[in-house]
Amino acid sequence: GPSVPRLEALILHGVRPRTHLDATAMNMPPDASDAIADAKTDLNQFCQKFCKRPVTKQDIVYVVNRFGNQFQAIVKLNCFQGQEYAGHLCTNAKDAEKSAAHQAILAHAATLDMLSKDDDKKSRRKVHQPLNPQQLAEKRAKQAEDGENPAITPKTKLNSLCMKIAKRYLQKGETVYEALKVAGGFQATVKLTALPGDWADRCWAG
């Protein structure tokens, strides 16, 4: 274990040994042990969100000290200006590291809550913002242009082209098809009244 001066230094920096990991002794709810079990993962995710980049092994450093048959870990967050947090005494090194990570999470609970709320707002914005007619038309036009959807017909492509030229969503009746019976079958014409100028009065035959 660490020397007496080492312990004094930890106490001076506000890092004090804990005595128990038991949830009841720590005045935590029974399911708190589940939170501690995932504490290292949660701490990594929190640091990653806060720093807005992947964390490295140098960002979160664990040091485990042995006290007789028990272990205590200190986690140093170099991505948080080297802040240190001591966990509770545990029966093994792994649990000691999880306890230290849990203490770090508790210390940053307010920041973690704020980041979670920001994530929720972003998710709601993504889910509850349906495309308006113009955006939907632009999306369809791009799909037609890129050939993303094999079910897109020549009619759809023509409508998409007209919307790009008119720079607006087409109204009902602005694309008029007429089928005429001719020798040997039928022939169709199309009139595109949404086009500018004289183009609106022209007819195209198939």
C-alpha atoms as a PDB file:
ATOM      1  CA  GLY A   1       0.000   0.000   0.000  1.00  0.00           C
ATOM      2  CA  PRO A   2       0.988   3.684  -0.214  1.00  0.00           C
ATOM      3  CA  SER A   3       3.239   5.246   2.402  1.00  0.00           C
ATOM      4  CA  VAL A   4       1.916   7.534   5.141  1.00  0.00           C
ATOM      5  CA  PRO A   5       3.072  10.703   3.303  1.00  0.00           C
ATOM      6  CA  ARG A   6       1.188   9.439   0.233  1.00  0.00           C
ATOM      7  CA  LEU A   7      -2.008   9.061   2.285  1.00  0.00           C
ATOM      8  CA  GLU A   8      -1.527  12.503   3.818  1.00  0.00           C
ATOM      9  CA  ALA A   9      -1.109  13.986   0.348  1.00  0.00           C
ATOM     10  CA  LEU A  10      -4.328  12.344  -0.820  1.00  0.00           C
ATOM     11  CA  ILE A  11      -6.222  13.674   2.201  1.00  0.00           C
ATOM     12  CA  LEU A  12      -4.860  17.171   1.623  1.00  0.00           C
ATOM     13  CA  HIS A  13      -6.164  17.016  -1.946  1.00  0.00           C
ATOM     14  CA  GLY A  14      -9.576  15.925  -0.780  1.00  0.00           C
ATOM     15  CA  VAL A  15      -9.112  12.283  -1.820  1.00  0.00           C
ATOM     16  CA  ARG A  16     -10.093  10.180   1.194  1.00  0.00           C
ATOM     17  CA  PRO A  17     -10.283   6.393   1.556  1.00  0.00           C
ATOM     18  CA  ARG A  18     -13.756   4.896   1.671  1.00  0.00           C
ATOM     19  CA  THR A  19     -14.695   2.115   4.057  1.00  0.00           C
ATOM     20  CA  HIS A  20     -17.407   0.045   2.346  1.00  0.00           C
ATOM     21  CA  LEU A  21     -18.776  -0.746  -1.094  1.00  0.00           C
ATOM     22  CA  ASP A  22     -21.968  -2.271   0.266  1.00  0.00           C
ATOM     23  CA  ALA A  23     -25.008  -0.389  -1.106  1.00  0.00           C
ATOM     24  CA  THR A  24     -26.798  -0.272   2.258  1.00  0.00           C
ATOM     25  CA  ALA A  25     -23.765   1.104   4.092  1.00  0.00           C
ATOM     26  CA  MET A  26     -23.356   3.759   1.406  1.00  0.00           C
ATOM     27  CA  ASN A  27     -27.014   4.818   1.867  1.00  0.00           C
ATOM     28  CA  MET A  28     -27.738   4.033  -1.756  1.00  0.00           C
ATOM     29  CA  PRO A  29     -30.796   2.257  -3.212  1.00  0.00           C
ATOM     30  CA  PRO A  30     -30.498  -1.509  -3.765  1.00  0.00           C
ATOM     31  CA  ASP A  31     -30.054  -1.107  -7.510  1.00  0.00           C
ATOM     32  CA  ALA A  32     -27.061   1.211  -7.047  1.00  0.00           C
ATOM     33  CA  SER A  33     -24.747  -1.789  -7.378  1.00  0.00           C
ATOM     34  CA  ASP A  34     -25.908  -2.107 -10.996  1.00  0.00           C
ATOM     35  CA  ALA A  35     -24.829   1.478 -11.650  1.00  0.00           C
ATOM     36  CA  ILE A  36     -21.411   0.760 -10.135  1.00  0.00           C
ATOM     37  CA  ALA A  37     -21.038  -2.364 -12.297  1.00  0.00           C
ATOM     38  CA  ASP A  38     -21.189  -0.216 -15.453  1.00  0.00           C
ATOM     39  CA  ALA A  39     -19.433   2.801 -13.930  1.00  0.00           C
ATOM     40  CA  LYS A  40     -16.229   2.537 -15.986  1.00  0.00           C
ATOM     41  CA  THR A  41     -18.174   2.375 -19.240  1.00  0.00           C
ATOM     42  CA  ASP A  42     -20.431   5.231 -18.149  1.00  0.00           C
ATOM     43  CA  LEU A  43     -17.416   7.338 -17.197  1.00  0.00           C
ATOM     44  CA  ASN A  44     -15.786   6.718 -20.585  1.00  0.00           C
ATOM     45  CA  GLN A  45     -18.980   7.737 -22.392  1.00  0.00           C
ATOM     46  CA  PHE A  46     -19.386  10.833 -20.225  1.00  0.00           C
ATOM     47  CA  CYS A  47     -15.804  11.996 -20.874  1.00  0.00           C
ATOM     48  CA  GLN A  48     -16.223  11.329 -24.578  1.00  0.00           C
ATOM     49  CA  LYS A  49     -19.404  13.419 -24.742  1.00  0.00           C
ATOM     50  CA  PHE A  50     -17.910  16.224 -22.685  1.00  0.00           C
ATOM     51  CA  CYS A  51     -14.634  16.366 -24.645  1.00  0.00           C
ATOM     52  CA  LYS A  52     -16.420  15.738 -27.954  1.00  0.00           C
ATOM     53  CA  ARG A  53     -13.772  13.230 -29.022  1.00  0.00           C
ATOM     54  CA  PRO A  54     -12.809   9.599 -28.357  1.00  0.00           C
ATOM     55  CA  VAL A  55     -11.044   9.164 -25.015  1.00  0.00           C
ATOM     56  CA  THR A  56      -7.650   7.494 -24.716  1.00  0.00           C
ATOM     57  CA  LYS A  57      -6.004   5.455 -21.958  1.00  0.00           C
ATOM     58  CA  GLN A  58      -4.125   8.597 -20.930  1.00  0.00           C
ATOM     59  CA  ASP A  59      -7.381  10.520 -20.420  1.00  0.00           C
ATOM     60  CA  ILE A  60      -8.671   8.227 -17.653  1.00  0.00           C
ATOM     61  CA  VAL A  61      -5.994   6.633 -15.456  1.00  0.00           C
ATOM     62  CA  TYR A  62      -6.685   4.220 -12.582  1.00  0.00           C
ATOM     63  CA  VAL A  63      -4.234   3.618  -9.717  1.00  0.00           C
ATOM     64  CA  VAL A  64      -5.078   0.771  -7.320  1.00  0.00           C
ATOM     65  CA  ASN A  65      -3.602   0.638  -3.795  1.00  0.00           C
ATOM     66  CA  ARG A  66      -3.787  -2.324  -1.432  1.00  0.00           C
ATOM     67  CA  PHE A  67      -4.691  -1.973   2.237  1.00  0.00           C
ATOM     68  CA  GLY A  68      -4.258  -5.409   3.849  1.00  0.00           C
ATOM     69  CA  ASN A  69      -6.784  -7.660   2.110  1.00  0.00           C
ATOM     70  CA  GLN A  70      -8.696  -4.780   0.558  1.00  0.00           C
ATOM     71  CA  PHE A  71      -8.172  -2.504  -2.423  1.00  0.00           C
ATOM     72  CA  GLN A  72      -8.854   1.134  -3.134  1.00  0.00           C
ATOM     73  CA  ALA A  73      -8.616   2.816  -6.521  1.00  0.00           C
ATOM     74  CA  ILE A  74      -8.082   6.422  -7.475  1.00  0.00           C
ATOM     75  CA  VAL A  75      -9.149   7.545 -10.937  1.00  0.00           C
ATOM     76  CA  LYS A  76      -7.430  10.541 -12.462  1.00  0.00           C
ATOM     77  CA  LEU A  77      -9.257  12.398 -15.227  1.00  0.00           C
ATOM     78  CA  ASN A  78      -6.544  14.051 -17.277  1.00  0.00           C
ATOM     79  CA  CYS A  79      -9.266  15.226 -19.656  1.00  0.00           C
ATOM     80  CA  PHE A  80     -10.710  17.174 -16.674  1.00  0.00           C
ATOM     81  CA  GLN A  81      -7.553  19.022 -15.652  1.00  0.00           C
ATOM     82  CA  GLY A  82      -6.253  16.021 -13.736  1.00  0.00           C
ATOM     83  CA  GLN A  83      -9.109  15.767 -11.218  1.00  0.00           C
ATOM     84  CA  GLU A  84      -8.842  12.712  -8.930  1.00  0.00           C
ATOM     85  CA  TYR A  85     -11.564  10.646  -7.262  1.00  0.00           C
ATOM     86  CA  ALA A  86     -11.124   7.834  -4.714  1.00  0.00           C
ATOM     87  CA  GLY A  87     -13.444   4.870  -4.548  1.00  0.00           C
ATOM     88  CA  HIS A  88     -14.488   2.720  -1.590  1.00  0.00           C
ATOM     89  CA  LEU A  89     -12.430  -0.137  -0.168  1.00  0.00           C
ATOM     90  CA  CYS A  90     -13.243  -3.327  -2.072  1.00  0.00           C
ATOM     91  CA  THR A  91     -12.306  -6.986  -2.002  1.00  0.00           C
ATOM     92  CA  ASN A  92     -10.641  -6.900  -5.429  1.00  0.00           C
ATOM     93  CA  ALA A  93      -8.949  -4.442  -7.783  1.00  0.00           C
ATOM     94  CA  LYS A  94     -11.649  -4.531 -10.480  1.00  0.00           C
ATOM     95  CA  ASP A  95     -14.412  -3.545  -8.098  1.00  0.00           C
ATOM     96  CA  ALA A  96     -12.141  -0.858  -6.660  1.00  0.00           C
ATOM     97  CA  GLU A  97     -11.739   0.721 -10.110  1.00  0.00           C
ATOM     98  CA  LYS A  98     -15.512   0.589 -10.690  1.00  0.00           C
ATOM     99  CA  SER A  99     -16.092   2.272  -7.330  1.00  0.00           C
ATOM    100  CA  ALA A 100     -13.676   5.080  -8.199  1.00  0.00           C
ATOM    101  CA  ALA A 101     -15.354   5.567 -11.562  1.00  0.00           C
ATOM    102  CA  HIS A 102     -18.725   5.725  -9.804  1.00  0.00           C
ATOM    103  CA  GLN A 103     -17.449   8.466  -7.481  1.00  0.00           C
ATOM    104  CA  ALA A 104     -16.259  10.465 -10.501  1.00  0.00           C
ATOM    105  CA  ILE A 105     -19.687  10.120 -12.125  1.00  0.00           C
ATOM    106  CA  LEU A 106     -21.426  11.250  -8.922  1.00  0.00           C
ATOM    107  CA  ALA A 107     -19.163  14.301  -8.755  1.00  0.00           C
ATOM    108  CA  HIS A 108     -20.165  15.282 -12.303  1.00  0.00           C
ATOM    109  CA  ALA A 109     -23.840  14.344 -11.985  1.00  0.00           C
ATOM    110  CA  ALA A 110     -25.071  17.852 -12.877  1.00  0.00           C
ATOM    111  CA  THR A 111     -22.930  18.010 -16.032  1.00  0.00           C
ATOM    112  CA  LEU A 112     -23.980  14.488 -17.017  1.00  0.00           C
ATOM    113  CA  ASP A 113     -27.649  15.423 -16.589  1.00  0.00           C
ATOM    114  CA  MET A 114     -27.182  18.507 -18.770  1.00  0.00           C
ATOM    115  CA  LEU A 115     -25.515  16.463 -21.543  1.00  0.00           C
ATOM    116  CA  SER A 116     -28.315  13.882 -21.385  1.00  0.00           C
ATOM    117  CA  LYS A 117     -30.961  16.610 -21.746  1.00  0.00           C
ATOM    118  CA  ASP A 118     -29.115  18.044 -24.762  1.00  0.00           C
ATOM    119  CA  ASP A 119     -29.070  14.578 -26.351  1.00  0.00           C
ATOM    120  CA  ASP A 120     -32.814  14.200 -25.706  1.00  0.00           C
ATOM    121  CA  LYS A 121     -33.533  17.569 -27.348  1.00  0.00           C
ATOM    122  CA  LYS A 122     -31.491  16.617 -30.415  1.00  0.00           C
ATOM    123  CA  SER A 123     -33.298  13.269 -30.653  1.00  0.00           C
ATOM    124  CA  ARG A 124     -36.704  14.932 -30.397  1.00  0.00           C
ATOM    125  CA  ARG A 125     -35.775  17.448 -33.085  1.00  0.00           C
ATOM    126  CA  LYS A 126     -34.762  14.624 -35.410  1.00  0.00           C
ATOM    127  CA  VAL A 127     -37.892  12.556 -34.714  1.00  0.00           C
ATOM    128  CA  HIS A 128     -40.539  15.296 -34.664  1.00  0.00           C
ATOM    129  CA  GLN A 129     -39.520  17.348 -37.685  1.00  0.00           C
ATOM    130  CA  PRO A 130     -41.326  15.915 -40.728  1.00  0.00           C
ATOM    131  CA  LEU A 131     -40.309  17.150 -44.157  1.00  0.00           C
ATOM    132  CA  ASN A 132     -42.349  20.017 -45.563  1.00  0.00           C
ATOM    133  CA  PRO A 133     -43.682  19.710 -49.169  1.00  0.00           C
ATOM    134  CA  GLN A 134     -40.675  21.513 -50.635  1.00  0.00           C
ATOM    135  CA  GLN A 135     -38.164  19.346 -48.754  1.00  0.00           C
ATOM    136  CA  LEU A 136     -40.102  16.214 -49.722  1.00  0.00           C
ATOM    137  CA  ALA A 137     -40.091  17.274 -53.355  1.00  0.00           C
ATOM    138  CA  GLU A 138     -36.344  17.969 -53.235  1.00  0.00           C
ATOM    139  CA  LYS A 139     -35.736  14.564 -51.663  1.00  0.00           C
ATOM    140  CA  ARG A 140     -37.747  12.837 -54.372  1.00  0.00           C
ATOM    141  CA  ALA A 141     -35.938  14.823 -57.035  1.00  0.00           C
ATOM    142  CA  LYS A 142     -32.562  13.772 -55.667  1.00  0.00           C
ATOM    143  CA  GLN A 143     -33.657  10.136 -55.477  1.00  0.00           C
ATOM    144  CA  ALA A 144     -34.821  10.291 -59.057  1.00  0.00           C
ATOM    145  CA  GLU A 145     -31.607  11.971 -60.150  1.00  0.00           C
ATOM    146  CA  ASP A 146     -29.371   9.488 -58.339  1.00  0.00           C
ATOM    147  CA  GLY A 147     -31.458   6.488 -59.328  1.00  0.00           C
ATOM    148  CA  GLU A 148     -31.714   5.377 -55.691  1.00  0.00           C
ATOM    149  CA  ASN A 149     -35.215   3.928 -56.048  1.00  0.00           C
ATOM    150  CA  PRO A 150     -35.786   1.429 -58.866  1.00  0.00           C
ATOM    151  CA  ALA A 151     -39.560   1.954 -58.514  1.00  0.00           C
ATOM    152  CA  ILE A 152     -39.319   5.594 -59.661  1.00  0.00           C
ATOM    153  CA  THR A 153     -41.126   5.999 -62.999  1.00  0.00           C
ATOM    154  CA  PRO A 154     -40.505   8.449 -65.868  1.00  0.00           C
ATOM    155  CA  LYS A 155     -43.541  10.404 -64.604  1.00  0.00           C
ATOM    156  CA  THR A 156     -41.881  10.845 -61.214  1.00  0.00           C
ATOM    157  CA  LYS A 157     -38.643  11.950 -62.828  1.00  0.00           C
ATOM    158  CA  LEU A 158     -40.508  14.470 -65.006  1.00  0.00           C
ATOM    159  CA  ASN A 159     -42.305  15.916 -61.967  1.00  0.00           C
ATOM    160  CA  SER A 160     -38.997  16.163 -60.114  1.00  0.00           C
ATOM    161  CA  LEU A 161     -37.408  18.004 -63.033  1.00  0.00           C
ATOM    162  CA  CYS A 162     -40.328  20.445 -63.242  1.00  0.00           C
ATOM    163  CA  MET A 163     -40.108  21.162 -59.510  1.00  0.00           C
ATOM    164  CA  LYS A 164     -36.397  21.919 -59.838  1.00  0.00           C
ATOM    165  CA  ILE A 165     -37.094  24.327 -62.715  1.00  0.00           C
ATOM    166  CA  ALA A 166     -40.102  25.975 -61.025  1.00  0.00           C
ATOM    167  CA  LYS A 167     -38.298  25.948 -57.635  1.00  0.00           C
ATOM    168  CA  ARG A 168     -41.494  25.046 -55.831  1.00  0.00           C
ATOM    169  CA  TYR A 169     -43.851  22.161 -55.081  1.00  0.00           C
ATOM    170  CA  LEU A 170     -46.142  21.335 -58.007  1.00  0.00           C
ATOM    171  CA  GLN A 171     -49.869  21.923 -57.657  1.00  0.00           C
ATOM    172  CA  LYS A 172     -52.536  19.486 -58.791  1.00  0.00           C
ATOM    173  CA  GLY A 173     -53.371  19.925 -62.476  1.00  0.00           C
ATOM    174  CA  GLU A 174     -50.043  21.499 -63.479  1.00  0.00           C
ATOM    175  CA  THR A 175     -48.946  18.281 -65.202  1.00  0.00           C
ATOM    176  CA  VAL A 176     -51.655  17.245 -67.684  1.00  0.00           C
ATOM    177  CA  TYR A 177     -51.570  13.939 -69.558  1.00  0.00           C
ATOM    178  CA  GLU A 178     -53.905  13.153 -72.459  1.00  0.00           C
ATOM    179  CA  ALA A 179     -54.061   9.806 -74.251  1.00  0.00           C
ATOM    180  CA  LEU A 180     -55.330   9.775 -77.887  1.00  0.00           C
ATOM    181  CA  LYS A 181     -56.265   6.760 -79.941  1.00  0.00           C
ATOM    182  CA  VAL A 182     -54.286   6.628 -83.154  1.00  0.00           C
ATOM    183  CA  ALA A 183     -53.683   4.039 -85.822  1.00  0.00           C
ATOM    184  CA  GLY A 184     -51.989   1.064 -84.226  1.00  0.00           C
ATOM    185  CA  GLY A 185     -52.691   2.012 -80.586  1.00  0.00           C
ATOM    186  CA  PHE A 186     -52.583   5.045 -78.310  1.00  0.00           C
ATOM    187  CA  GLN A 187     -50.368   8.113 -78.090  1.00  0.00           C
ATOM    188  CA  ALA A 188     -50.086  10.360 -75.063  1.00  0.00           C
ATOM    189  CA  THR A 189     -49.258  14.023 -74.737  1.00  0.00           C
ATOM    190  CA  VAL A 190     -48.138  15.909 -71.663  1.00  0.00           C
ATOM    191  CA  LYS A 191     -48.509  19.606 -70.883  1.00  0.00           C
ATOM    192  CA  LEU A 192     -46.449  21.198 -68.087  1.00  0.00           C
ATOM    193  CA  THR A 193     -48.126  24.439 -67.035  1.00  0.00           C
ATOM    194  CA  ALA A 194     -45.683  24.952 -64.152  1.00  0.00           C
ATOM    195  CA  LEU A 195     -42.863  25.716 -66.609  1.00  0.00           C
ATOM    196  CA  PRO A 196     -41.972  29.391 -67.186  1.00  0.00           C
ATOM    197  CA  GLY A 197     -42.968  31.480 -70.196  1.00  0.00           C
ATOM    198  CA  ASP A 198     -43.982  29.847 -73.491  1.00  0.00           C
ATOM    199  CA  TRP A 199     -42.921  26.448 -72.190  1.00  0.00           C
ATOM    200  CA  ALA A 200     -46.116  26.294 -70.120  1.00  0.00           C
ATOM    201  CA  ASP A 201     -48.285  26.179 -73.283  1.00  0.00           C
ATOM    202  CA  ARG A 202     -46.313  23.511 -75.113  1.00  0.00           C
ATOM    203  CA  CYS A 203     -47.291  19.860 -75.445  1.00  0.00           C
ATOM    204  CA  TRP A 204     -44.944  16.917 -75.771  1.00  0.00           C
ATOM    205  CA  ALA A 205     -46.018  13.734 -77.497  1.00  0.00           C
ATOM    206  CA  GLY A 206     -44.777  10.238 -76.769  1.00  0.00           C
END
